[in-house]
Amino acid sequence: MLIVVVTVFLMVEIPMAVATLIHVLASMSIIPFAQEGYKYLKITILISNFIIMLSFPLNFAIYCGMSRQFRVTFNELFVKKVSNNGQRNGQNNYKPANASTSL
């Protein structure tokens, strides 16, 4: 799972890193860069940002699909399971393990 997540991360971040590096080097006049090139650089940055935005739900889907422990923890934290046996009224149905069930 870690390999898949890191691969997806690198696939979407490397183009952005290259575009940022080109912009920094051109701003410092280390490499010559024509005004026309900035047009394509801006488009590359916009597309890279959009792909990065799409990768966030993809990472969530990877975690959910590959990790049972992640699904269980996610359900415990965010999915509220309300039973019909009085918990809606604020009653606590907790019984100690050594309590007898017959009254």
N, C-alpha and C. Protein backbone atom coordinates (compact mmCIF):
# COMPACT_ATOMS: atom_id res chain seq x y z
N MET A 1 0.83 -1.19 0.00
CA MET A 1 0.00 0.00 0.00
C MET A 1 0.88 1.25 0.00
N LEU A 2 1.94 1.22 0.78
CA LEU A 2 2.83 2.38 0.85
C LEU A 2 3.45 2.67 -0.51
N ILE A 3 3.82 1.64 -1.22
CA ILE A 3 4.43 1.83 -2.55
C ILE A 3 3.44 2.48 -3.50
N VAL A 4 2.19 2.06 -3.46
CA VAL A 4 1.16 2.64 -4.34
C VAL A 4 0.93 4.10 -4.00
N VAL A 5 0.81 4.43 -2.72
CA VAL A 5 0.56 5.82 -2.31
C VAL A 5 1.74 6.71 -2.68
N VAL A 6 2.96 6.24 -2.44
CA VAL A 6 4.14 7.03 -2.78
C VAL A 6 4.26 7.21 -4.29
N THR A 7 3.95 6.18 -5.05
CA THR A 7 4.00 6.28 -6.51
C THR A 7 3.01 7.31 -7.03
N VAL A 8 1.79 7.28 -6.52
CA VAL A 8 0.79 8.27 -6.93
C VAL A 8 1.26 9.67 -6.54
N PHE A 9 1.80 9.82 -5.34
CA PHE A 9 2.31 11.11 -4.89
C PHE A 9 3.39 11.64 -5.82
N LEU A 10 4.36 10.78 -6.16
CA LEU A 10 5.45 11.21 -7.02
C LEU A 10 4.98 11.53 -8.43
N MET A 11 4.02 10.76 -8.94
CA MET A 11 3.51 11.01 -10.29
C MET A 11 2.87 12.38 -10.41
N VAL A 12 2.24 12.86 -9.36
CA VAL A 12 1.57 14.16 -9.45
C VAL A 12 2.45 15.31 -8.97
N GLU A 13 3.45 15.03 -8.16
CA GLU A 13 4.29 16.09 -7.62
C GLU A 13 5.53 16.39 -8.47
N ILE A 14 6.06 15.41 -9.18
CA ILE A 14 7.27 15.64 -9.97
C ILE A 14 7.05 16.68 -11.08
N PRO A 15 5.96 16.63 -11.84
CA PRO A 15 5.76 17.70 -12.84
C PRO A 15 5.68 19.10 -12.22
N MET A 16 5.06 19.21 -11.06
CA MET A 16 4.99 20.51 -10.39
C MET A 16 6.37 20.95 -9.91
N ALA A 17 7.17 20.03 -9.41
CA ALA A 17 8.53 20.36 -8.97
C ALA A 17 9.38 20.82 -10.14
N VAL A 18 9.26 20.17 -11.29
CA VAL A 18 10.02 20.55 -12.47
C VAL A 18 9.60 21.94 -12.95
N ALA A 19 8.29 22.20 -12.99
CA ALA A 19 7.80 23.51 -13.41
C ALA A 19 8.26 24.60 -12.45
N THR A 20 8.25 24.33 -11.16
CA THR A 20 8.72 25.31 -10.18
C THR A 20 10.21 25.56 -10.33
N LEU A 21 10.98 24.51 -10.56
CA LEU A 21 12.41 24.65 -10.75
C LEU A 21 12.72 25.49 -11.99
N ILE A 22 12.01 25.25 -13.07
CA ILE A 22 12.20 26.04 -14.30
C ILE A 22 11.87 27.51 -14.02
N HIS A 23 10.80 27.76 -13.31
CA HIS A 23 10.41 29.13 -13.00
C HIS A 23 11.47 29.83 -12.14
N VAL A 24 11.98 29.13 -11.13
CA VAL A 24 13.01 29.71 -10.26
C VAL A 24 14.28 30.00 -11.06
N LEU A 25 14.72 29.05 -11.86
CA LEU A 25 15.94 29.25 -12.65
C LEU A 25 15.79 30.38 -13.67
N ALA A 26 14.60 30.49 -14.26
CA ALA A 26 14.36 31.58 -15.22
C ALA A 26 14.28 32.92 -14.51
N SER A 27 13.71 32.96 -13.32
CA SER A 27 13.61 34.21 -12.56
C SER A 27 14.99 34.70 -12.11
N MET A 28 15.89 33.79 -11.85
CA MET A 28 17.25 34.15 -11.43
C MET A 28 18.17 34.37 -12.64
N SER A 29 17.62 34.31 -13.83
CA SER A 29 18.36 34.51 -15.09
C SER A 29 19.48 33.49 -15.27
N ILE A 30 19.31 32.32 -14.69
CA ILE A 30 20.30 31.25 -14.87
C ILE A 30 20.08 30.58 -16.21
N ILE A 31 18.81 30.42 -16.60
CA ILE A 31 18.51 29.86 -17.91
C ILE A 31 17.68 30.90 -18.68
N PRO A 32 17.94 31.02 -19.98
CA PRO A 32 17.12 31.96 -20.76
C PRO A 32 15.73 31.37 -20.98
N PHE A 33 14.74 32.21 -20.82
CA PHE A 33 13.37 31.73 -20.96
C PHE A 33 12.57 32.82 -21.64
N ALA A 34 12.02 32.53 -22.81
CA ALA A 34 11.26 33.52 -23.57
C ALA A 34 9.90 33.75 -22.94
N GLN A 35 9.33 34.90 -23.24
CA GLN A 35 8.01 35.24 -22.71
C GLN A 35 6.97 34.22 -23.16
N GLU A 36 7.11 33.68 -24.32
CA GLU A 36 6.18 32.66 -24.82
C GLU A 36 6.25 31.40 -23.97
N GLY A 37 7.42 31.09 -23.43
CA GLY A 37 7.58 29.91 -22.60
C GLY A 37 6.79 30.00 -21.30
N TYR A 38 6.62 31.23 -20.77
CA TYR A 38 5.85 31.40 -19.54
C TYR A 38 4.39 31.03 -19.73
N LYS A 39 3.89 31.24 -20.94
CA LYS A 39 2.51 30.86 -21.24
C LYS A 39 2.32 29.35 -21.04
N TYR A 40 3.26 28.57 -21.55
CA TYR A 40 3.18 27.12 -21.42
C TYR A 40 3.47 26.67 -19.99
N LEU A 41 4.35 27.40 -19.32
CA LEU A 41 4.66 27.08 -17.92
C LEU A 41 3.43 27.30 -17.03
N LYS A 42 2.70 28.38 -17.28
CA LYS A 42 1.48 28.64 -16.51
C LYS A 42 0.44 27.54 -16.74
N ILE A 43 0.30 27.11 -17.98
CA ILE A 43 -0.64 26.04 -18.29
C ILE A 43 -0.21 24.75 -17.61
N THR A 44 1.10 24.46 -17.62
CA THR A 44 1.62 23.27 -16.95
C THR A 44 1.33 23.31 -15.45
N ILE A 45 1.53 24.47 -14.84
CA ILE A 45 1.28 24.61 -13.40
C ILE A 45 -0.21 24.43 -13.10
N LEU A 46 -1.08 25.00 -13.92
CA LEU A 46 -2.53 24.83 -13.70
C LEU A 46 -2.94 23.37 -13.81
N ILE A 47 -2.43 22.69 -14.82
CA ILE A 47 -2.78 21.27 -15.00
C ILE A 47 -2.21 20.44 -13.85
N SER A 48 -0.98 20.74 -13.43
CA SER A 48 -0.37 20.01 -12.32
C SER A 48 -1.16 20.21 -11.03
N ASN A 49 -1.58 21.43 -10.76
CA ASN A 49 -2.38 21.69 -9.56
C ASN A 49 -3.71 20.95 -9.61
N PHE A 50 -4.32 20.89 -10.78
CA PHE A 50 -5.59 20.16 -10.92
C PHE A 50 -5.39 18.67 -10.67
N ILE A 51 -4.32 18.11 -11.21
CA ILE A 51 -4.04 16.69 -11.00
C ILE A 51 -3.74 16.40 -9.54
N ILE A 52 -3.01 17.31 -8.88
CA ILE A 52 -2.73 17.15 -7.45
C ILE A 52 -4.04 17.15 -6.67
N MET A 53 -4.96 18.04 -7.03
CA MET A 53 -6.26 18.10 -6.36
C MET A 53 -7.03 16.78 -6.55
N LEU A 54 -6.93 16.18 -7.72
CA LEU A 54 -7.62 14.92 -7.97
C LEU A 54 -6.96 13.74 -7.24
N SER A 55 -5.69 13.88 -6.89
CA SER A 55 -5.00 12.77 -6.24
C SER A 55 -5.42 12.59 -4.79
N PHE A 56 -5.94 13.63 -4.15
CA PHE A 56 -6.33 13.49 -2.74
C PHE A 56 -7.44 12.45 -2.55
N PRO A 57 -8.55 12.53 -3.30
CA PRO A 57 -9.54 11.45 -3.14
C PRO A 57 -9.03 10.10 -3.62
N LEU A 58 -8.11 10.09 -4.56
CA LEU A 58 -7.53 8.83 -5.01
C LEU A 58 -6.74 8.17 -3.89
N ASN A 59 -5.97 8.96 -3.14
CA ASN A 59 -5.23 8.41 -1.99
C ASN A 59 -6.19 7.86 -0.95
N PHE A 60 -7.29 8.57 -0.69
CA PHE A 60 -8.29 8.09 0.26
C PHE A 60 -8.87 6.75 -0.22
N ALA A 61 -9.16 6.65 -1.51
CA ALA A 61 -9.69 5.39 -2.05
C ALA A 61 -8.67 4.27 -1.95
N ILE A 62 -7.40 4.59 -2.14
CA ILE A 62 -6.35 3.57 -2.01
C ILE A 62 -6.31 3.06 -0.58
N TYR A 63 -6.33 3.99 0.39
CA TYR A 63 -6.32 3.57 1.79
C TYR A 63 -7.53 2.71 2.11
N CYS A 64 -8.72 3.14 1.68
CA CYS A 64 -9.94 2.37 1.97
C CYS A 64 -9.93 1.01 1.30
N GLY A 65 -9.42 0.96 0.08
CA GLY A 65 -9.43 -0.30 -0.65
C GLY A 65 -8.39 -1.30 -0.20
N MET A 66 -7.29 -0.82 0.35
CA MET A 66 -6.20 -1.73 0.66
C MET A 66 -6.00 -2.00 2.15
N SER A 67 -6.61 -1.22 3.01
CA SER A 67 -6.33 -1.37 4.44
C SER A 67 -7.62 -1.57 5.23
N ARG A 68 -7.79 -2.74 5.75
CA ARG A 68 -8.96 -3.04 6.58
C ARG A 68 -8.91 -2.21 7.86
N GLN A 69 -7.73 -2.08 8.44
CA GLN A 69 -7.58 -1.31 9.68
C GLN A 69 -7.96 0.16 9.46
N PHE A 70 -7.62 0.74 8.29
CA PHE A 70 -8.01 2.11 8.00
C PHE A 70 -9.52 2.24 7.92
N ARG A 71 -10.18 1.27 7.26
CA ARG A 71 -11.64 1.33 7.15
C ARG A 71 -12.30 1.25 8.52
N VAL A 72 -11.82 0.35 9.36
CA VAL A 72 -12.39 0.19 10.70
C VAL A 72 -12.20 1.46 11.52
N THR A 73 -11.00 2.01 11.50
CA THR A 73 -10.73 3.23 12.25
C THR A 73 -11.54 4.40 11.71
N PHE A 74 -11.67 4.51 10.40
CA PHE A 74 -12.46 5.58 9.80
C PHE A 74 -13.93 5.46 10.24
N ASN A 75 -14.46 4.24 10.21
CA ASN A 75 -15.85 4.04 10.63
C ASN A 75 -16.04 4.39 12.10
N GLU A 76 -15.09 4.02 12.95
CA GLU A 76 -15.19 4.33 14.37
C GLU A 76 -15.13 5.82 14.63
N LEU A 77 -14.36 6.54 13.85
CA LEU A 77 -14.21 7.97 14.08
C LEU A 77 -15.31 8.82 13.46
N PHE A 78 -15.76 8.47 12.27
CA PHE A 78 -16.63 9.38 11.53
C PHE A 78 -18.04 8.88 11.26
N VAL A 79 -18.27 7.60 11.31
CA VAL A 79 -19.59 7.06 11.02
C VAL A 79 -20.28 6.78 12.35
N LYS A 80 -21.32 7.51 12.59
CA LYS A 80 -22.04 7.35 13.86
C LYS A 80 -23.07 6.24 13.67
N LYS A 81 -22.96 5.24 14.51
CA LYS A 81 -23.91 4.14 14.46
C LYS A 81 -24.82 4.29 15.66
N VAL A 82 -26.04 4.64 15.38
CA VAL A 82 -27.02 4.82 16.45
C VAL A 82 -28.00 3.66 16.38
N SER A 83 -28.06 2.92 17.47
CA SER A 83 -29.01 1.81 17.49
C SER A 83 -30.36 2.31 17.97
N ASN A 84 -31.36 1.51 17.78
CA ASN A 84 -32.71 1.89 18.16
C ASN A 84 -33.06 1.51 19.60
N ASN A 85 -32.10 1.12 20.40
CA ASN A 85 -32.42 0.64 21.74
C ASN A 85 -32.15 1.69 22.81
N GLY A 86 -32.48 2.93 22.54
CA GLY A 86 -32.47 3.94 23.58
C GLY A 86 -31.31 4.89 23.55
N GLN A 87 -30.35 4.71 22.71
CA GLN A 87 -29.21 5.61 22.72
C GLN A 87 -29.57 6.99 22.19
N ARG A 88 -30.61 7.09 21.42
CA ARG A 88 -31.01 8.41 20.92
C ARG A 88 -31.53 9.29 22.05
N ASN A 89 -32.04 8.70 23.09
CA ASN A 89 -32.55 9.46 24.21
C ASN A 89 -31.48 9.77 25.24
N GLY A 90 -30.26 9.46 24.94
CA GLY A 90 -29.18 9.73 25.85
C GLY A 90 -28.95 8.63 26.86
N GLN A 91 -29.63 7.51 26.73
CA GLN A 91 -29.42 6.41 27.66
C GLN A 91 -28.16 5.65 27.29
N ASN A 92 -27.48 5.20 28.29
CA ASN A 92 -26.25 4.43 28.07
C ASN A 92 -26.57 2.96 28.29
N ASN A 93 -26.31 2.14 27.30
CA ASN A 93 -26.60 0.71 27.38
C ASN A 93 -25.38 -0.10 27.77
N TYR A 94 -24.41 0.53 28.33
CA TYR A 94 -23.18 -0.15 28.72
C TYR A 94 -23.46 -1.04 29.93
N LYS A 95 -23.01 -2.28 29.84
CA LYS A 95 -23.11 -3.21 30.96
C LYS A 95 -21.73 -3.76 31.24
N PRO A 96 -21.31 -3.75 32.47
CA PRO A 96 -20.00 -4.34 32.79
C PRO A 96 -19.96 -5.80 32.41
N ALA A 97 -18.78 -6.31 32.14
CA ALA A 97 -18.61 -7.68 31.70
C ALA A 97 -19.04 -8.69 32.78
N ASN A 98 -18.94 -8.34 34.04
CA ASN A 98 -19.30 -9.29 35.08
C ASN A 98 -20.72 -9.10 35.61
N ALA A 99 -21.50 -8.23 34.99
CA ALA A 99 -22.87 -8.00 35.44
C ALA A 99 -23.77 -9.15 34.97
N SER A 100 -24.72 -9.50 35.78
CA SER A 100 -25.65 -10.58 35.38
C SER A 100 -26.71 -9.98 34.47
N THR A 101 -27.20 -10.82 33.57
CA THR A 101 -28.20 -10.37 32.62
C THR A 101 -29.61 -10.56 33.13
N SER A 102 -29.83 -11.36 34.14
CA SER A 102 -31.19 -11.57 34.64
C SER A 102 -31.43 -10.67 35.84
N LEU A 103 -32.60 -10.05 35.87
CA LEU A 103 -32.95 -9.18 36.98
C LEU A 103 -34.13 -9.72 37.73
